Amino acid sequence: MTDPIRVIKTVPIAGDYGCVAIYWVTRKIFGRKVKLPNFIGFAIMLQTWSKYCHCGIYIGDGKIVEAQPGGACVSPLSKYDNKNIVWSTDDLDTSQRQLIIAKARTLVGKGYGFLDIFAQALVRFGFKNAWLWHIVESEDRYICSQLCAACGVAAKVTAWLCGEDNAALVTPAQLARRLATRGRNLSRWARNLFRWYRPTRTPWLR
């Protein structure tokens, strides 16, 4: 059973962020398109206990800025036409939206923060390693939720930090939880399969 969606917004405004669950991805292998499990997405789902594993910034004209394994890029929103995207509903003024879009564009081309996923998981397991966190903060790489949170910080939208003191700690689940779910929203079979796993949130000690 999944948690009910409290807010539904189907048409985004430039400057909004959207969260989505992605279970499968299409990759081109030897010239043929192959459907593969979204391994990175599943890793994020397990460490956050949420089906929402991806998010991006809508910049208008049917385009979004998102962090992908190949780096942050501009993608057509139409690639998610068959997905149930949950869009932010923050009451932002024009200048804030412009700042969010401008920040998102400056992040295009930045590398993907594979290490950040591991570091965030350690935080939720209660492990604290200042050395690892120093690497994460200094590498200038982003996962999707960090990109969205950084854009919010640029526009002084502190709500996008989801209670964290650093954009690097924000997860897709936290951004989605503001809008649509209370957290444990994986299917019943998944909860039973991983009933031994209960992630915690311990402040990172630097």
N, C-alpha and C. Protein backbone atom coordinates (compact mmCIF):
# COMPACT_ATOMS: atom_id res chain seq x y z
N MET A 1 0.85 -1.20 0.00
CA MET A 1 0.00 0.00 0.00
C MET A 1 0.88 1.24 0.00
N THR A 2 0.53 2.21 -0.80
CA THR A 2 1.32 3.44 -0.88
C THR A 2 0.61 4.56 -0.14
N ASP A 3 1.38 5.52 0.28
CA ASP A 3 0.81 6.68 0.97
C ASP A 3 0.05 7.56 -0.01
N PRO A 4 -1.04 8.17 0.40
CA PRO A 4 -1.83 9.02 -0.49
C PRO A 4 -1.10 10.28 -0.88
N ILE A 5 -1.35 10.73 -2.10
CA ILE A 5 -0.76 11.97 -2.57
C ILE A 5 -1.62 13.13 -2.08
N ARG A 6 -1.01 14.06 -1.41
CA ARG A 6 -1.74 15.19 -0.82
C ARG A 6 -1.92 16.33 -1.81
N VAL A 7 -0.92 16.54 -2.67
CA VAL A 7 -0.97 17.64 -3.62
C VAL A 7 -0.65 17.10 -5.00
N ILE A 8 -1.46 17.45 -5.99
CA ILE A 8 -1.21 17.01 -7.35
C ILE A 8 -1.10 18.23 -8.25
N LYS A 9 0.02 18.35 -8.94
CA LYS A 9 0.22 19.44 -9.88
C LYS A 9 0.76 18.82 -11.16
N THR A 10 -0.01 18.88 -12.22
CA THR A 10 0.35 18.18 -13.46
C THR A 10 1.02 19.09 -14.48
N VAL A 11 0.85 20.40 -14.35
CA VAL A 11 1.45 21.33 -15.31
C VAL A 11 2.48 22.19 -14.58
N PRO A 12 3.77 22.03 -14.86
CA PRO A 12 4.79 22.79 -14.15
C PRO A 12 4.92 24.22 -14.65
N ILE A 13 5.47 25.06 -13.80
CA ILE A 13 5.84 26.42 -14.15
C ILE A 13 7.36 26.48 -14.13
N ALA A 14 7.94 27.24 -15.04
CA ALA A 14 9.39 27.36 -15.08
C ALA A 14 9.92 27.77 -13.71
N GLY A 15 10.86 27.00 -13.19
CA GLY A 15 11.39 27.25 -11.85
C GLY A 15 10.90 26.23 -10.84
N ASP A 16 9.96 25.37 -11.21
CA ASP A 16 9.50 24.29 -10.34
C ASP A 16 10.48 23.13 -10.41
N TYR A 17 10.48 22.30 -9.36
CA TYR A 17 11.18 21.02 -9.46
C TYR A 17 10.15 19.90 -9.46
N GLY A 18 10.49 18.80 -10.08
CA GLY A 18 9.59 17.66 -10.14
C GLY A 18 10.29 16.40 -9.67
N CYS A 19 9.55 15.51 -9.00
CA CYS A 19 10.09 14.24 -8.52
C CYS A 19 9.35 13.09 -9.20
N VAL A 20 10.08 12.02 -9.47
CA VAL A 20 9.50 10.91 -10.22
C VAL A 20 10.15 9.60 -9.79
N ALA A 21 9.40 8.51 -9.92
CA ALA A 21 9.92 7.17 -9.67
C ALA A 21 10.29 6.54 -11.01
N ILE A 22 11.52 6.05 -11.11
CA ILE A 22 12.00 5.44 -12.35
C ILE A 22 12.53 4.05 -12.03
N TYR A 23 11.83 3.02 -12.48
CA TYR A 23 12.23 1.64 -12.20
C TYR A 23 13.07 1.03 -13.33
N TRP A 24 12.87 1.54 -14.54
CA TRP A 24 13.58 1.00 -15.70
C TRP A 24 14.17 2.15 -16.51
N VAL A 25 15.30 1.90 -17.13
CA VAL A 25 15.93 2.87 -18.01
C VAL A 25 16.27 2.20 -19.34
N THR A 26 16.30 2.99 -20.39
CA THR A 26 16.63 2.46 -21.72
C THR A 26 18.04 2.88 -22.10
N ARG A 27 18.84 1.91 -22.45
CA ARG A 27 20.21 2.16 -22.86
C ARG A 27 20.44 1.56 -24.25
N LYS A 28 21.33 2.21 -25.00
CA LYS A 28 21.67 1.68 -26.32
C LYS A 28 22.91 0.81 -26.19
N ILE A 29 22.77 -0.46 -26.51
CA ILE A 29 23.86 -1.43 -26.44
C ILE A 29 24.04 -2.09 -27.81
N PHE A 30 25.24 -1.92 -28.36
CA PHE A 30 25.54 -2.45 -29.69
C PHE A 30 24.50 -1.99 -30.73
N GLY A 31 24.11 -0.72 -30.60
CA GLY A 31 23.19 -0.15 -31.58
C GLY A 31 21.73 -0.47 -31.35
N ARG A 32 21.42 -1.22 -30.30
CA ARG A 32 20.03 -1.58 -30.02
C ARG A 32 19.62 -1.03 -28.67
N LYS A 33 18.37 -0.55 -28.58
CA LYS A 33 17.86 -0.04 -27.32
C LYS A 33 17.42 -1.20 -26.43
N VAL A 34 17.96 -1.20 -25.22
CA VAL A 34 17.69 -2.28 -24.28
C VAL A 34 17.14 -1.69 -22.99
N LYS A 35 16.08 -2.30 -22.45
CA LYS A 35 15.48 -1.84 -21.20
C LYS A 35 16.17 -2.55 -20.03
N LEU A 36 16.74 -1.75 -19.12
CA LEU A 36 17.49 -2.30 -17.99
C LEU A 36 16.95 -1.75 -16.67
N PRO A 37 17.15 -2.50 -15.58
CA PRO A 37 16.75 -1.97 -14.27
C PRO A 37 17.53 -0.71 -13.94
N ASN A 38 16.89 0.21 -13.25
CA ASN A 38 17.54 1.45 -12.85
C ASN A 38 18.30 1.21 -11.54
N PHE A 39 19.52 0.67 -11.68
CA PHE A 39 20.29 0.27 -10.50
C PHE A 39 20.59 1.45 -9.58
N ILE A 40 20.95 2.60 -10.16
CA ILE A 40 21.22 3.78 -9.33
C ILE A 40 19.95 4.21 -8.61
N GLY A 41 18.84 4.17 -9.33
CA GLY A 41 17.56 4.53 -8.72
C GLY A 41 17.19 3.61 -7.57
N PHE A 42 17.41 2.30 -7.74
CA PHE A 42 17.09 1.36 -6.68
C PHE A 42 17.99 1.59 -5.46
N ALA A 43 19.25 1.95 -5.69
CA ALA A 43 20.16 2.24 -4.58
C ALA A 43 19.65 3.43 -3.78
N ILE A 44 19.15 4.45 -4.50
CA ILE A 44 18.61 5.64 -3.83
C ILE A 44 17.32 5.29 -3.09
N MET A 45 16.47 4.46 -3.71
CA MET A 45 15.22 4.07 -3.08
C MET A 45 15.46 3.34 -1.75
N LEU A 46 16.44 2.45 -1.75
CA LEU A 46 16.70 1.66 -0.55
C LEU A 46 17.27 2.50 0.57
N GLN A 47 18.14 3.45 0.24
CA GLN A 47 18.75 4.23 1.32
C GLN A 47 17.83 5.35 1.82
N THR A 48 16.79 5.69 1.04
CA THR A 48 15.85 6.72 1.49
C THR A 48 14.48 6.15 1.84
N TRP A 49 14.27 4.87 1.49
CA TRP A 49 12.98 4.21 1.75
C TRP A 49 11.82 4.95 1.08
N SER A 50 12.03 5.29 -0.18
CA SER A 50 11.01 6.00 -0.94
C SER A 50 11.08 5.58 -2.40
N LYS A 51 9.94 5.58 -3.08
CA LYS A 51 9.93 5.23 -4.49
C LYS A 51 10.47 6.36 -5.36
N TYR A 52 10.50 7.58 -4.82
CA TYR A 52 10.97 8.72 -5.60
C TYR A 52 12.51 8.73 -5.60
N CYS A 53 13.08 8.49 -6.77
CA CYS A 53 14.54 8.37 -6.86
C CYS A 53 15.16 9.39 -7.81
N HIS A 54 14.34 10.25 -8.41
CA HIS A 54 14.89 11.21 -9.37
C HIS A 54 14.10 12.51 -9.33
N CYS A 55 14.77 13.61 -9.64
CA CYS A 55 14.11 14.91 -9.70
C CYS A 55 14.88 15.84 -10.63
N GLY A 56 14.25 16.90 -11.04
CA GLY A 56 14.88 17.85 -11.94
C GLY A 56 14.19 19.20 -11.89
N ILE A 57 14.82 20.18 -12.50
CA ILE A 57 14.29 21.55 -12.53
C ILE A 57 13.68 21.84 -13.89
N TYR A 58 12.43 22.29 -13.89
CA TYR A 58 11.79 22.67 -15.15
C TYR A 58 12.21 24.09 -15.49
N ILE A 59 12.81 24.28 -16.68
CA ILE A 59 13.32 25.61 -17.07
C ILE A 59 12.47 26.26 -18.16
N GLY A 60 11.34 25.64 -18.48
CA GLY A 60 10.46 26.21 -19.50
C GLY A 60 10.71 25.62 -20.88
N ASP A 61 9.84 25.94 -21.83
CA ASP A 61 9.96 25.47 -23.21
C ASP A 61 10.03 23.95 -23.30
N GLY A 62 9.37 23.27 -22.37
CA GLY A 62 9.34 21.81 -22.41
C GLY A 62 10.67 21.16 -22.09
N LYS A 63 11.53 21.83 -21.30
CA LYS A 63 12.85 21.29 -20.99
C LYS A 63 13.10 21.28 -19.48
N ILE A 64 13.91 20.33 -19.05
CA ILE A 64 14.32 20.25 -17.66
C ILE A 64 15.84 20.13 -17.58
N VAL A 65 16.38 20.57 -16.46
CA VAL A 65 17.79 20.33 -16.16
C VAL A 65 17.82 19.23 -15.10
N GLU A 66 18.57 18.18 -15.36
CA GLU A 66 18.62 17.04 -14.45
C GLU A 66 20.03 16.48 -14.37
N ALA A 67 20.35 15.87 -13.24
CA ALA A 67 21.64 15.21 -13.07
C ALA A 67 21.50 13.76 -13.50
N GLN A 68 22.28 13.35 -14.47
CA GLN A 68 22.28 11.99 -14.97
C GLN A 68 23.67 11.39 -14.77
N PRO A 69 23.79 10.05 -14.81
CA PRO A 69 25.12 9.44 -14.65
C PRO A 69 26.17 9.98 -15.60
N GLY A 70 25.75 10.48 -16.76
CA GLY A 70 26.70 11.07 -17.69
C GLY A 70 26.99 12.54 -17.42
N GLY A 71 26.35 13.10 -16.39
CA GLY A 71 26.53 14.51 -16.05
C GLY A 71 25.23 15.27 -16.13
N ALA A 72 25.18 16.45 -15.53
CA ALA A 72 23.98 17.28 -15.56
C ALA A 72 23.73 17.75 -16.99
N CYS A 73 22.47 17.71 -17.41
CA CYS A 73 22.16 18.02 -18.81
C CYS A 73 20.76 18.62 -18.92
N VAL A 74 20.48 19.18 -20.09
CA VAL A 74 19.14 19.66 -20.42
C VAL A 74 18.45 18.56 -21.20
N SER A 75 17.27 18.17 -20.74
CA SER A 75 16.53 17.08 -21.38
C SER A 75 15.11 17.54 -21.70
N PRO A 76 14.50 16.92 -22.72
CA PRO A 76 13.09 17.25 -23.00
C PRO A 76 12.18 16.65 -21.92
N LEU A 77 11.24 17.43 -21.46
CA LEU A 77 10.31 16.93 -20.46
C LEU A 77 9.51 15.75 -20.99
N SER A 78 9.36 15.68 -22.31
CA SER A 78 8.56 14.63 -22.93
C SER A 78 9.11 13.23 -22.65
N LYS A 79 10.37 13.11 -22.26
CA LYS A 79 10.94 11.80 -21.96
C LYS A 79 10.26 11.16 -20.76
N TYR A 80 9.54 11.98 -19.98
CA TYR A 80 8.84 11.47 -18.80
C TYR A 80 7.32 11.49 -18.99
N ASP A 81 6.89 11.48 -20.24
CA ASP A 81 5.45 11.57 -20.52
C ASP A 81 4.66 10.43 -19.88
N ASN A 82 5.26 9.26 -19.75
CA ASN A 82 4.54 8.12 -19.19
C ASN A 82 4.81 7.94 -17.70
N LYS A 83 5.39 8.96 -17.06
CA LYS A 83 5.70 8.89 -15.64
C LYS A 83 4.78 9.84 -14.87
N ASN A 84 4.55 9.50 -13.62
CA ASN A 84 3.73 10.33 -12.75
C ASN A 84 4.63 11.31 -11.99
N ILE A 85 4.89 12.45 -12.59
CA ILE A 85 5.78 13.44 -11.97
C ILE A 85 5.00 14.26 -10.95
N VAL A 86 5.58 14.44 -9.77
CA VAL A 86 5.00 15.29 -8.74
C VAL A 86 5.76 16.61 -8.76
N TRP A 87 5.06 17.71 -9.01
CA TRP A 87 5.70 19.01 -9.16
C TRP A 87 5.58 19.85 -7.89
N SER A 88 6.59 20.66 -7.65
CA SER A 88 6.58 21.54 -6.48
C SER A 88 5.47 22.59 -6.62
N THR A 89 4.99 23.04 -5.48
CA THR A 89 3.89 24.01 -5.46
C THR A 89 4.24 25.26 -4.66
N ASP A 90 5.53 25.53 -4.51
CA ASP A 90 5.96 26.69 -3.74
C ASP A 90 5.51 27.99 -4.42
N ASP A 91 5.13 28.95 -3.58
CA ASP A 91 4.69 30.25 -4.07
C ASP A 91 5.92 31.13 -4.29
N LEU A 92 6.51 31.04 -5.48
CA LEU A 92 7.73 31.77 -5.79
C LEU A 92 7.42 32.98 -6.66
N ASP A 93 8.18 34.04 -6.45
CA ASP A 93 7.99 35.20 -7.31
C ASP A 93 8.85 35.06 -8.57
N THR A 94 8.68 35.98 -9.49
CA THR A 94 9.36 35.89 -10.78
C THR A 94 10.87 35.90 -10.64
N SER A 95 11.39 36.75 -9.76
CA SER A 95 12.84 36.84 -9.59
C SER A 95 13.41 35.54 -9.04
N GLN A 96 12.70 34.90 -8.12
CA GLN A 96 13.17 33.63 -7.57
C GLN A 96 13.20 32.55 -8.65
N ARG A 97 12.18 32.52 -9.48
CA ARG A 97 12.15 31.52 -10.55
C ARG A 97 13.28 31.76 -11.55
N GLN A 98 13.55 33.00 -11.82
CA GLN A 98 14.65 33.32 -12.75
C GLN A 98 16.00 32.89 -12.17
N LEU A 99 16.17 33.09 -10.87
CA LEU A 99 17.41 32.68 -10.22
C LEU A 99 17.57 31.16 -10.22
N ILE A 100 16.48 30.46 -10.00
CA ILE A 100 16.51 28.99 -10.02
C ILE A 100 16.90 28.49 -11.39
N ILE A 101 16.28 29.05 -12.42
CA ILE A 101 16.58 28.63 -13.80
C ILE A 101 18.02 28.96 -14.16
N ALA A 102 18.47 30.16 -13.78
CA ALA A 102 19.85 30.57 -14.08
C ALA A 102 20.86 29.64 -13.41
N LYS A 103 20.60 29.30 -12.14
CA LYS A 103 21.50 28.40 -11.42
C LYS A 103 21.50 27.02 -12.06
N ALA A 104 20.33 26.55 -12.45
CA ALA A 104 20.25 25.23 -13.09
C ALA A 104 21.07 25.19 -14.37
N ARG A 105 21.01 26.25 -15.14
CA ARG A 105 21.76 26.29 -16.40
C ARG A 105 23.28 26.30 -16.14
N THR A 106 23.71 26.93 -15.05
CA THR A 106 25.14 26.96 -14.76
C THR A 106 25.67 25.59 -14.34
N LEU A 107 24.77 24.73 -13.88
CA LEU A 107 25.19 23.40 -13.43
C LEU A 107 25.23 22.37 -14.55
N VAL A 108 24.74 22.74 -15.72
CA VAL A 108 24.78 21.82 -16.87
C VAL A 108 26.24 21.50 -17.19
N GLY A 109 26.52 20.22 -17.33
CA GLY A 109 27.89 19.79 -17.62
C GLY A 109 28.65 19.31 -16.39
N LYS A 110 28.11 19.58 -15.20
CA LYS A 110 28.76 19.10 -13.99
C LYS A 110 28.66 17.58 -13.91
N GLY A 111 29.67 16.96 -13.32
CA GLY A 111 29.70 15.51 -13.22
C GLY A 111 28.67 14.97 -12.25
N TYR A 112 28.45 13.64 -12.30
CA TYR A 112 27.47 13.00 -11.43
C TYR A 112 28.14 12.56 -10.13
N GLY A 113 27.46 12.77 -9.01
CA GLY A 113 28.03 12.47 -7.70
C GLY A 113 27.76 11.05 -7.24
N PHE A 114 28.40 10.08 -7.89
CA PHE A 114 28.21 8.69 -7.48
C PHE A 114 28.60 8.51 -6.00
N LEU A 115 29.70 9.13 -5.59
CA LEU A 115 30.16 9.02 -4.21
C LEU A 115 29.16 9.62 -3.24
N ASP A 116 28.41 10.62 -3.69
CA ASP A 116 27.45 11.29 -2.83
C ASP A 116 26.34 10.34 -2.38
N ILE A 117 25.92 9.43 -3.27
CA ILE A 117 24.88 8.46 -2.91
C ILE A 117 25.38 7.60 -1.76
N PHE A 118 26.64 7.15 -1.87
CA PHE A 118 27.24 6.34 -0.82
C PHE A 118 27.35 7.13 0.48
N ALA A 119 27.78 8.38 0.38
CA ALA A 119 27.94 9.22 1.56
C ALA A 119 26.59 9.47 2.25
N GLN A 120 25.55 9.73 1.47
CA GLN A 120 24.22 9.95 2.05
C GLN A 120 23.71 8.69 2.75
N ALA A 121 24.00 7.52 2.16
CA ALA A 121 23.59 6.27 2.77
C ALA A 121 24.27 6.08 4.12
N LEU A 122 25.56 6.42 4.21
CA LEU A 122 26.28 6.30 5.47
C LEU A 122 25.66 7.18 6.54
N VAL A 123 25.24 8.38 6.15
CA VAL A 123 24.60 9.29 7.11
C VAL A 123 23.36 8.63 7.69
N ARG A 124 22.56 8.01 6.84
CA ARG A 124 21.30 7.42 7.30
C ARG A 124 21.50 6.12 8.03
N PHE A 125 22.67 5.51 7.90
CA PHE A 125 23.01 4.35 8.71
C PHE A 125 23.68 4.77 10.02
N GLY A 126 23.90 6.07 10.19
CA GLY A 126 24.48 6.55 11.42
C GLY A 126 25.99 6.65 11.43
N PHE A 127 26.64 6.42 10.28
CA PHE A 127 28.10 6.52 10.21
C PHE A 127 28.50 7.97 9.92
N LYS A 128 29.55 8.41 10.54
CA LYS A 128 30.01 9.79 10.35
C LYS A 128 31.48 9.76 9.96
N ASN A 129 31.79 10.37 8.85
CA ASN A 129 33.17 10.39 8.37
C ASN A 129 33.44 11.76 7.76
N ALA A 130 34.12 12.61 8.50
CA ALA A 130 34.37 13.97 8.03
C ALA A 130 35.24 13.98 6.78
N TRP A 131 36.17 13.02 6.68
CA TRP A 131 37.05 12.95 5.51
C TRP A 131 36.25 12.69 4.24
N LEU A 132 35.32 11.72 4.30
CA LEU A 132 34.49 11.40 3.14
C LEU A 132 33.61 12.59 2.78
N TRP A 133 33.05 13.25 3.80
CA TRP A 133 32.17 14.39 3.51
C TRP A 133 32.94 15.54 2.90
N HIS A 134 34.19 15.71 3.29
CA HIS A 134 35.03 16.77 2.70
C HIS A 134 35.21 16.52 1.21
N ILE A 135 35.37 15.26 0.83
CA ILE A 135 35.51 14.91 -0.59
C ILE A 135 34.21 15.23 -1.34
N VAL A 136 33.09 14.87 -0.73
CA VAL A 136 31.79 15.11 -1.37
C VAL A 136 31.57 16.60 -1.60
N GLU A 137 31.89 17.42 -0.61
CA GLU A 137 31.65 18.86 -0.72
C GLU A 137 32.59 19.54 -1.70
N SER A 138 33.78 18.99 -1.89
CA SER A 138 34.78 19.65 -2.72
C SER A 138 34.83 19.14 -4.15
N GLU A 139 34.10 18.07 -4.48
CA GLU A 139 34.25 17.49 -5.81
C GLU A 139 33.42 18.20 -6.88
N ASP A 140 32.47 19.05 -6.49
CA ASP A 140 31.65 19.80 -7.44
C ASP A 140 30.91 18.89 -8.40
N ARG A 141 30.34 17.82 -7.85
CA ARG A 141 29.51 16.89 -8.60
C ARG A 141 28.14 16.81 -7.92
N TYR A 142 27.14 16.41 -8.67
CA TYR A 142 25.78 16.47 -8.14
C TYR A 142 24.97 15.23 -8.49
N ILE A 143 24.15 14.81 -7.54
CA ILE A 143 23.05 13.92 -7.88
C ILE A 143 21.83 14.82 -8.05
N CYS A 144 20.74 14.25 -8.52
CA CYS A 144 19.59 15.07 -8.92
C CYS A 144 19.06 15.96 -7.80
N SER A 145 18.91 15.41 -6.60
CA SER A 145 18.33 16.17 -5.50
C SER A 145 19.26 17.28 -5.03
N GLN A 146 20.56 17.04 -5.08
CA GLN A 146 21.52 18.08 -4.72
C GLN A 146 21.44 19.24 -5.71
N LEU A 147 21.27 18.92 -6.97
CA LEU A 147 21.13 19.96 -8.00
C LEU A 147 19.90 20.82 -7.72
N CYS A 148 18.77 20.17 -7.42
CA CYS A 148 17.54 20.92 -7.16
C CYS A 148 17.68 21.78 -5.91
N ALA A 149 18.25 21.20 -4.85
CA ALA A 149 18.42 21.95 -3.61
C ALA A 149 19.36 23.14 -3.80
N ALA A 150 20.42 22.94 -4.58
CA ALA A 150 21.36 24.03 -4.84
C ALA A 150 20.69 25.18 -5.58
N CYS A 151 19.78 24.84 -6.48
CA CYS A 151 19.04 25.87 -7.21
C CYS A 151 18.12 26.64 -6.26
N GLY A 152 17.51 25.92 -5.32
CA GLY A 152 16.67 26.58 -4.33
C GLY A 152 17.47 27.52 -3.45
N VAL A 153 18.66 27.08 -3.04
CA VAL A 153 19.52 27.92 -2.20
C VAL A 153 19.90 29.19 -2.95
N ALA A 154 20.16 29.07 -4.25
CA ALA A 154 20.54 30.25 -5.05
C ALA A 154 19.43 31.29 -5.06
N ALA A 155 18.18 30.83 -4.95
CA ALA A 155 17.04 31.75 -4.95
C ALA A 155 16.52 32.03 -3.54
N LYS A 156 17.30 31.58 -2.53
CA LYS A 156 16.92 31.76 -1.12
C LYS A 156 15.59 31.09 -0.79
N VAL A 157 15.34 29.94 -1.43
CA VAL A 157 14.17 29.12 -1.10
C VAL A 157 14.66 28.03 -0.15
N THR A 158 14.76 28.37 1.12
CA THR A 158 15.36 27.46 2.10
C THR A 158 14.52 26.20 2.31
N ALA A 159 13.25 26.25 1.95
CA ALA A 159 12.39 25.07 2.11
C ALA A 159 12.91 23.89 1.29
N TRP A 160 13.63 24.18 0.22
CA TRP A 160 14.15 23.11 -0.63
C TRP A 160 15.32 22.38 0.02
N LEU A 161 15.83 22.90 1.13
CA LEU A 161 16.86 22.19 1.89
C LEU A 161 16.25 21.09 2.76
N CYS A 162 14.94 21.12 2.90
CA CYS A 162 14.21 20.05 3.61
C CYS A 162 14.73 19.84 5.03
N GLY A 163 15.11 20.92 5.68
CA GLY A 163 15.57 20.83 7.05
C GLY A 163 17.06 20.55 7.20
N GLU A 164 17.75 20.29 6.10
CA GLU A 164 19.19 20.05 6.16
C GLU A 164 19.93 21.39 6.19
N ASP A 165 21.20 21.35 6.62
CA ASP A 165 21.98 22.58 6.61
C ASP A 165 22.89 22.68 5.40
N ASN A 166 22.76 21.70 4.49
CA ASN A 166 23.62 21.66 3.32
C ASN A 166 22.88 20.98 2.18
N ALA A 167 22.93 21.56 0.99
CA ALA A 167 22.24 20.98 -0.16
C ALA A 167 22.76 19.59 -0.50
N ALA A 168 24.00 19.30 -0.12
CA ALA A 168 24.60 18.01 -0.45
C ALA A 168 23.93 16.86 0.28
N LEU A 169 23.19 17.14 1.36
CA LEU A 169 22.54 16.09 2.13
C LEU A 169 21.11 15.80 1.67
N VAL A 170 20.56 16.63 0.82
CA VAL A 170 19.16 16.50 0.41
C VAL A 170 18.98 15.33 -0.55
N THR A 171 17.97 14.52 -0.32
CA THR A 171 17.67 13.36 -1.16
C THR A 171 16.39 13.58 -1.96
N PRO A 172 16.19 12.82 -3.03
CA PRO A 172 14.93 12.93 -3.78
C PRO A 172 13.71 12.66 -2.91
N ALA A 173 13.85 11.73 -1.98
CA ALA A 173 12.72 11.40 -1.10
C ALA A 173 12.31 12.59 -0.25
N GLN A 174 13.29 13.35 0.24
CA GLN A 174 12.97 14.52 1.05
C GLN A 174 12.24 15.59 0.24
N LEU A 175 12.69 15.80 -0.99
CA LEU A 175 12.02 16.78 -1.85
C LEU A 175 10.61 16.32 -2.19
N ALA A 176 10.43 15.02 -2.43
CA ALA A 176 9.10 14.49 -2.76
C ALA A 176 8.20 14.49 -1.54
N ARG A 177 8.78 14.24 -0.37
CA ARG A 177 7.99 14.18 0.85
C ARG A 177 7.31 15.50 1.16
N ARG A 178 7.91 16.61 0.74
CA ARG A 178 7.28 17.92 0.93
C ARG A 178 5.98 18.02 0.16
N LEU A 179 5.88 17.24 -0.91
CA LEU A 179 4.78 17.41 -1.86
C LEU A 179 3.76 16.29 -1.83
N ALA A 180 4.23 15.04 -1.70
CA ALA A 180 3.32 13.96 -2.04
C ALA A 180 3.26 12.80 -1.08
N THR A 181 4.28 12.57 -0.27
CA THR A 181 4.27 11.33 0.49
C THR A 181 4.92 11.52 1.84
N ARG A 182 4.59 10.65 2.75
CA ARG A 182 5.12 10.74 4.10
C ARG A 182 6.32 9.83 4.31
N GLY A 183 6.86 9.27 3.26
CA GLY A 183 8.12 8.55 3.42
C GLY A 183 8.10 7.11 3.02
N ARG A 184 7.55 6.21 3.83
CA ARG A 184 7.63 4.80 3.49
C ARG A 184 6.56 4.49 2.47
N ASN A 185 6.87 4.71 1.20
CA ASN A 185 5.87 4.54 0.16
C ASN A 185 6.27 3.48 -0.85
N LEU A 186 7.16 2.56 -0.46
CA LEU A 186 7.44 1.43 -1.32
C LEU A 186 6.27 0.46 -1.22
N SER A 187 6.16 -0.41 -2.19
CA SER A 187 5.06 -1.37 -2.19
C SER A 187 5.19 -2.33 -1.01
N ARG A 188 4.10 -3.02 -0.68
CA ARG A 188 4.09 -3.90 0.48
C ARG A 188 5.11 -5.02 0.36
N TRP A 189 5.25 -5.59 -0.85
CA TRP A 189 6.20 -6.69 -1.01
C TRP A 189 7.62 -6.22 -0.77
N ALA A 190 7.92 -4.99 -1.17
CA ALA A 190 9.27 -4.47 -0.96
C ALA A 190 9.52 -4.23 0.53
N ARG A 191 8.52 -3.73 1.25
CA ARG A 191 8.68 -3.50 2.67
C ARG A 191 8.90 -4.80 3.41
N ASN A 192 8.18 -5.85 3.00
CA ASN A 192 8.36 -7.15 3.64
C ASN A 192 9.72 -7.74 3.34
N LEU A 193 10.18 -7.56 2.10
CA LEU A 193 11.47 -8.10 1.69
C LEU A 193 12.60 -7.46 2.47
N PHE A 194 12.47 -6.14 2.73
CA PHE A 194 13.53 -5.41 3.42
C PHE A 194 13.08 -4.92 4.80
N ARG A 195 12.25 -5.74 5.46
CA ARG A 195 11.72 -5.31 6.76
C ARG A 195 12.81 -5.17 7.83
N TRP A 196 13.96 -5.81 7.58
CA TRP A 196 15.07 -5.69 8.53
C TRP A 196 15.77 -4.35 8.43
N TYR A 197 15.51 -3.63 7.32
CA TYR A 197 16.25 -2.39 7.06
C TYR A 197 15.44 -1.18 7.46
N ARG A 198 15.92 -0.42 8.41
CA ARG A 198 15.23 0.79 8.86
C ARG A 198 16.24 1.94 8.91
N PRO A 199 16.37 2.72 7.82
CA PRO A 199 17.35 3.81 7.79
C PRO A 199 17.05 4.86 8.84
N THR A 200 18.08 5.43 9.40
CA THR A 200 17.94 6.49 10.40
C THR A 200 18.57 7.76 9.89
N ARG A 201 18.29 8.84 10.56
CA ARG A 201 18.87 10.12 10.17
C ARG A 201 19.69 10.64 11.34
N THR A 202 21.00 10.57 11.22
CA THR A 202 21.89 11.08 12.25
C THR A 202 22.66 12.26 11.69
N PRO A 203 22.71 13.39 12.40
CA PRO A 203 23.45 14.56 11.89
C PRO A 203 24.88 14.22 11.57
N TRP A 204 25.35 14.72 10.45
CA TRP A 204 26.71 14.48 10.03
C TRP A 204 27.67 15.35 10.86
N LEU A 205 28.66 14.72 11.44
CA LEU A 205 29.63 15.45 12.24
C LEU A 205 30.86 15.72 11.41
N ARG A 206 31.15 16.98 11.18
CA ARG A 206 32.30 17.33 10.35
C ARG A 206 33.54 17.52 11.24
